[in-house]
Amino acid sequence: MATARTLKQKIENRITRKRTDVFLPREFRHLGGEDQVLRALRTLVKEGRLIRLGYGVYARAVRSRMTGRVMVDSANGFSSAARQALTQLGVRWEPGESEQAYNAGQSTQVPITPTVRVKGRFQRRLSDGRTELRIER
């Protein structure tokens, strides 16, 4: 006899099947009520399976073997996850000025701080707790 799955288990299953590293609560809206979904996401954050990047933005997480801290589980770390979040939120963006100069060969300084130039309005802050996405206008 199959047991009923909890909302948290349904969300975990959906997260493991998705190819993206960033999730918005509206993606799980059809699984349950808004409060229930947010409660389940909060539980997953406490367990270290997700990390909250900002208001309504969550990313896949992994625990660091060296420090034991929870960090973003993305190919290029927080920078990649933040850019995925902007794309999923429907925000038009392009790489920041320093990254464009480096990619064009005009500079030899490797940009360390994740920076993007936003086209239009965007007021949210995206951060993984240590690094914050810098936004140019």
C-alpha atoms as a PDB file:
ATOM      1  CA  MET A   1       0.000   0.000   0.000  1.00  0.00           C
ATOM      2  CA  ALA A   2       1.416   3.371  -1.008  1.00  0.00           C
ATOM      3  CA  THR A   3       1.732   5.983   1.700  1.00  0.00           C
ATOM      4  CA  ALA A   4       0.647   9.554   1.128  1.00  0.00           C
ATOM      5  CA  ARG A   5       3.564  11.871   0.496  1.00  0.00           C
ATOM      6  CA  THR A   6       3.841  15.091   2.439  1.00  0.00           C
ATOM      7  CA  LEU A   7       4.102  18.451   0.728  1.00  0.00           C
ATOM      8  CA  LYS A   8       7.755  18.643   1.758  1.00  0.00           C
ATOM      9  CA  GLN A   9       8.443  15.295   0.069  1.00  0.00           C
ATOM     10  CA  LYS A  10       6.645  16.431  -3.084  1.00  0.00           C
ATOM     11  CA  ILE A  11       8.727  19.613  -3.199  1.00  0.00           C
ATOM     12  CA  GLU A  12      11.957  17.655  -2.598  1.00  0.00           C
ATOM     13  CA  ASN A  13      11.031  15.300  -5.427  1.00  0.00           C
ATOM     14  CA  ARG A  14      10.345  18.230  -7.762  1.00  0.00           C
ATOM     15  CA  ILE A  15      13.668  19.855  -6.825  1.00  0.00           C
ATOM     16  CA  THR A  16      15.665  16.695  -7.535  1.00  0.00           C
ATOM     17  CA  ARG A  17      14.014  16.309 -10.947  1.00  0.00           C
ATOM     18  CA  LYS A  18      14.519  19.921 -12.070  1.00  0.00           C
ATOM     19  CA  ARG A  19      17.661  20.822 -13.970  1.00  0.00           C
ATOM     20  CA  THR A  20      17.866  24.410 -12.736  1.00  0.00           C
ATOM     21  CA  ASP A  21      19.616  25.362  -9.510  1.00  0.00           C
ATOM     22  CA  VAL A  22      17.207  28.174  -8.530  1.00  0.00           C
ATOM     23  CA  PHE A  23      13.584  27.828  -7.454  1.00  0.00           C
ATOM     24  CA  LEU A  24      10.749  30.264  -6.888  1.00  0.00           C
ATOM     25  CA  PRO A  25       7.818  29.446  -4.574  1.00  0.00           C
ATOM     26  CA  ARG A  26       5.362  30.004  -7.419  1.00  0.00           C
ATOM     27  CA  GLU A  27       6.767  26.876  -9.100  1.00  0.00           C
ATOM     28  CA  PHE A  28       5.246  24.805  -6.276  1.00  0.00           C
ATOM     29  CA  ARG A  29       1.946  26.724  -6.063  1.00  0.00           C
ATOM     30  CA  HIS A  30      -0.136  23.886  -7.466  1.00  0.00           C
ATOM     31  CA  LEU A  31       1.122  21.447  -4.800  1.00  0.00           C
ATOM     32  CA  GLY A  32      -0.486  23.280  -1.885  1.00  0.00           C
ATOM     33  CA  GLY A  33      -1.369  26.606  -0.351  1.00  0.00           C
ATOM     34  CA  GLU A  34       1.101  29.478  -0.306  1.00  0.00           C
ATOM     35  CA  ASP A  35       1.689  29.303   3.444  1.00  0.00           C
ATOM     36  CA  GLN A  36       2.209  25.547   3.324  1.00  0.00           C
ATOM     37  CA  VAL A  37       4.707  25.819   0.466  1.00  0.00           C
ATOM     38  CA  LEU A  38       6.662  28.569   2.238  1.00  0.00           C
ATOM     39  CA  ARG A  39       6.696  26.521   5.452  1.00  0.00           C
ATOM     40  CA  ALA A  40       8.027  23.471   3.576  1.00  0.00           C
ATOM     41  CA  LEU A  41      10.709  25.600   1.864  1.00  0.00           C
ATOM     42  CA  ARG A  42      11.725  27.059   5.244  1.00  0.00           C
ATOM     43  CA  THR A  43      12.086  23.528   6.591  1.00  0.00           C
ATOM     44  CA  LEU A  44      14.291  22.560   3.650  1.00  0.00           C
ATOM     45  CA  VAL A  45      16.452  25.632   4.324  1.00  0.00           C
ATOM     46  CA  LYS A  46      16.851  24.597   7.980  1.00  0.00           C
ATOM     47  CA  GLU A  47      17.845  21.093   6.886  1.00  0.00           C
ATOM     48  CA  GLY A  48      20.495  22.508   4.535  1.00  0.00           C
ATOM     49  CA  ARG A  49      18.944  21.236   1.307  1.00  0.00           C
ATOM     50  CA  LEU A  50      18.095  24.727   0.057  1.00  0.00           C
ATOM     51  CA  ILE A  51      19.580  28.155   0.650  1.00  0.00           C
ATOM     52  CA  ARG A  52      17.541  31.350   0.580  1.00  0.00           C
ATOM     53  CA  LEU A  53      19.065  33.892  -1.796  1.00  0.00           C
ATOM     54  CA  GLY A  54      16.472  36.595  -1.283  1.00  0.00           C
ATOM     55  CA  TYR A  55      12.785  37.315  -1.095  1.00  0.00           C
ATOM     56  CA  GLY A  56      11.061  34.447  -2.911  1.00  0.00           C
ATOM     57  CA  VAL A  57      14.290  32.992  -4.321  1.00  0.00           C
ATOM     58  CA  TYR A  58      15.803  29.674  -3.216  1.00  0.00           C
ATOM     59  CA  ALA A  59      18.766  27.726  -4.570  1.00  0.00           C
ATOM     60  CA  ARG A  60      19.928  24.146  -4.346  1.00  0.00           C
ATOM     61  CA  ALA A  61      22.417  23.779  -1.476  1.00  0.00           C
ATOM     62  CA  VAL A  62      25.232  21.473  -0.447  1.00  0.00           C
ATOM     63  CA  ARG A  63      27.255  21.316   2.746  1.00  0.00           C
ATOM     64  CA  SER A  64      30.953  22.163   2.320  1.00  0.00           C
ATOM     65  CA  ARG A  65      33.287  19.309   3.190  1.00  0.00           C
ATOM     66  CA  MET A  66      35.949  21.696   4.457  1.00  0.00           C
ATOM     67  CA  THR A  67      33.969  24.138   6.572  1.00  0.00           C
ATOM     68  CA  GLY A  68      30.665  22.343   7.072  1.00  0.00           C
ATOM     69  CA  ARG A  69      28.766  25.477   6.013  1.00  0.00           C
ATOM     70  CA  VAL A  70      25.872  25.375   3.592  1.00  0.00           C
ATOM     71  CA  MET A  71      26.706  26.854   0.194  1.00  0.00           C
ATOM     72  CA  VAL A  72      25.077  27.200  -3.213  1.00  0.00           C
ATOM     73  CA  ASP A  73      25.275  24.027  -5.299  1.00  0.00           C
ATOM     74  CA  SER A  74      25.724  25.517  -8.759  1.00  0.00           C
ATOM     75  CA  ALA A  75      28.364  25.072 -11.448  1.00  0.00           C
ATOM     76  CA  ASN A  76      29.814  28.556 -10.958  1.00  0.00           C
ATOM     77  CA  GLY A  77      28.629  29.142  -7.412  1.00  0.00           C
ATOM     78  CA  PHE A  78      26.590  32.083  -6.235  1.00  0.00           C
ATOM     79  CA  SER A  79      27.215  34.178  -9.347  1.00  0.00           C
ATOM     80  CA  SER A  80      25.603  31.598 -11.608  1.00  0.00           C
ATOM     81  CA  ALA A  81      22.681  31.030  -9.246  1.00  0.00           C
ATOM     82  CA  ALA A  82      21.998  34.770  -8.934  1.00  0.00           C
ATOM     83  CA  ARG A  83      21.943  35.153 -12.718  1.00  0.00           C
ATOM     84  CA  GLN A  84      19.572  32.200 -13.024  1.00  0.00           C
ATOM     85  CA  ALA A  85      17.339  33.863 -10.432  1.00  0.00           C
ATOM     86  CA  LEU A  86      17.261  37.114 -12.402  1.00  0.00           C
ATOM     87  CA  THR A  87      16.339  35.227 -15.553  1.00  0.00           C
ATOM     88  CA  GLN A  88      13.574  33.296 -13.787  1.00  0.00           C
ATOM     89  CA  LEU A  89      12.214  36.509 -12.289  1.00  0.00           C
ATOM     90  CA  GLY A  90      11.969  37.959 -15.801  1.00  0.00           C
ATOM     91  CA  VAL A  91      14.592  40.650 -15.241  1.00  0.00           C
ATOM     92  CA  ARG A  92      16.627  41.680 -18.279  1.00  0.00           C
ATOM     93  CA  TRP A  93      20.309  41.836 -17.370  1.00  0.00           C
ATOM     94  CA  GLU A  94      23.793  41.767 -18.863  1.00  0.00           C
ATOM     95  CA  PRO A  95      27.242  41.235 -17.306  1.00  0.00           C
ATOM     96  CA  GLY A  96      28.691  44.145 -15.367  1.00  0.00           C
ATOM     97  CA  GLU A  97      31.165  46.638 -16.792  1.00  0.00           C
ATOM     98  CA  SER A  98      34.241  44.993 -15.252  1.00  0.00           C
ATOM     99  CA  GLU A  99      33.286  41.547 -16.583  1.00  0.00           C
ATOM    100  CA  GLN A 100      32.612  42.941 -20.057  1.00  0.00           C
ATOM    101  CA  ALA A 101      36.027  44.643 -20.061  1.00  0.00           C
ATOM    102  CA  TYR A 102      37.723  41.404 -18.976  1.00  0.00           C
ATOM    103  CA  ASN A 103      35.915  39.335 -21.600  1.00  0.00           C
ATOM    104  CA  ALA A 104      36.776  41.861 -24.324  1.00  0.00           C
ATOM    105  CA  GLY A 105      40.466  41.747 -23.359  1.00  0.00           C
ATOM    106  CA  GLN A 106      40.515  45.380 -22.252  1.00  0.00           C
ATOM    107  CA  SER A 107      41.464  44.455 -18.684  1.00  0.00           C
ATOM    108  CA  THR A 108      43.565  41.765 -17.048  1.00  0.00           C
ATOM    109  CA  GLN A 109      41.865  42.073 -13.675  1.00  0.00           C
ATOM    110  CA  VAL A 110      39.584  39.121 -13.017  1.00  0.00           C
ATOM    111  CA  PRO A 111      36.234  40.358 -11.664  1.00  0.00           C
ATOM    112  CA  ILE A 112      35.632  38.795  -8.249  1.00  0.00           C
ATOM    113  CA  THR A 113      32.414  40.458  -7.090  1.00  0.00           C
ATOM    114  CA  PRO A 114      29.389  39.165  -9.022  1.00  0.00           C
ATOM    115  CA  THR A 115      28.040  42.221 -10.807  1.00  0.00           C
ATOM    116  CA  VAL A 116      25.263  42.623 -13.357  1.00  0.00           C
ATOM    117  CA  ARG A 117      23.763  45.567 -15.169  1.00  0.00           C
ATOM    118  CA  VAL A 118      19.974  45.496 -14.865  1.00  0.00           C
ATOM    119  CA  LYS A 119      17.808  46.933 -17.606  1.00  0.00           C
ATOM    120  CA  GLY A 120      14.643  48.210 -15.995  1.00  0.00           C
ATOM    121  CA  ARG A 121      13.411  48.073 -12.436  1.00  0.00           C
ATOM    122  CA  PHE A 122      14.738  45.606  -9.889  1.00  0.00           C
ATOM    123  CA  GLN A 123      14.872  46.315  -6.166  1.00  0.00           C
ATOM    124  CA  ARG A 124      15.550  42.922  -4.552  1.00  0.00           C
ATOM    125  CA  ARG A 125      18.791  41.952  -2.898  1.00  0.00           C
ATOM    126  CA  LEU A 126      20.278  38.566  -3.735  1.00  0.00           C
ATOM    127  CA  SER A 127      22.818  37.148  -1.316  1.00  0.00           C
ATOM    128  CA  ASP A 128      24.029  33.787  -0.070  1.00  0.00           C
ATOM    129  CA  GLY A 129      24.996  35.144   3.340  1.00  0.00           C
ATOM    130  CA  ARG A 130      28.598  36.004   2.422  1.00  0.00           C
ATOM    131  CA  THR A 131      28.405  37.381  -1.117  1.00  0.00           C
ATOM    132  CA  GLU A 132      25.842  39.831  -2.435  1.00  0.00           C
ATOM    133  CA  LEU A 133      25.006  40.448  -6.076  1.00  0.00           C
ATOM    134  CA  ARG A 134      26.066  43.966  -7.019  1.00  0.00           C
ATOM    135  CA  ILE A 135      23.699  45.732  -9.411  1.00  0.00           C
ATOM    136  CA  GLU A 136      24.770  48.461 -11.823  1.00  0.00           C
ATOM    137  CA  ARG A 137      22.271  50.862 -13.359  1.00  0.00           C
END
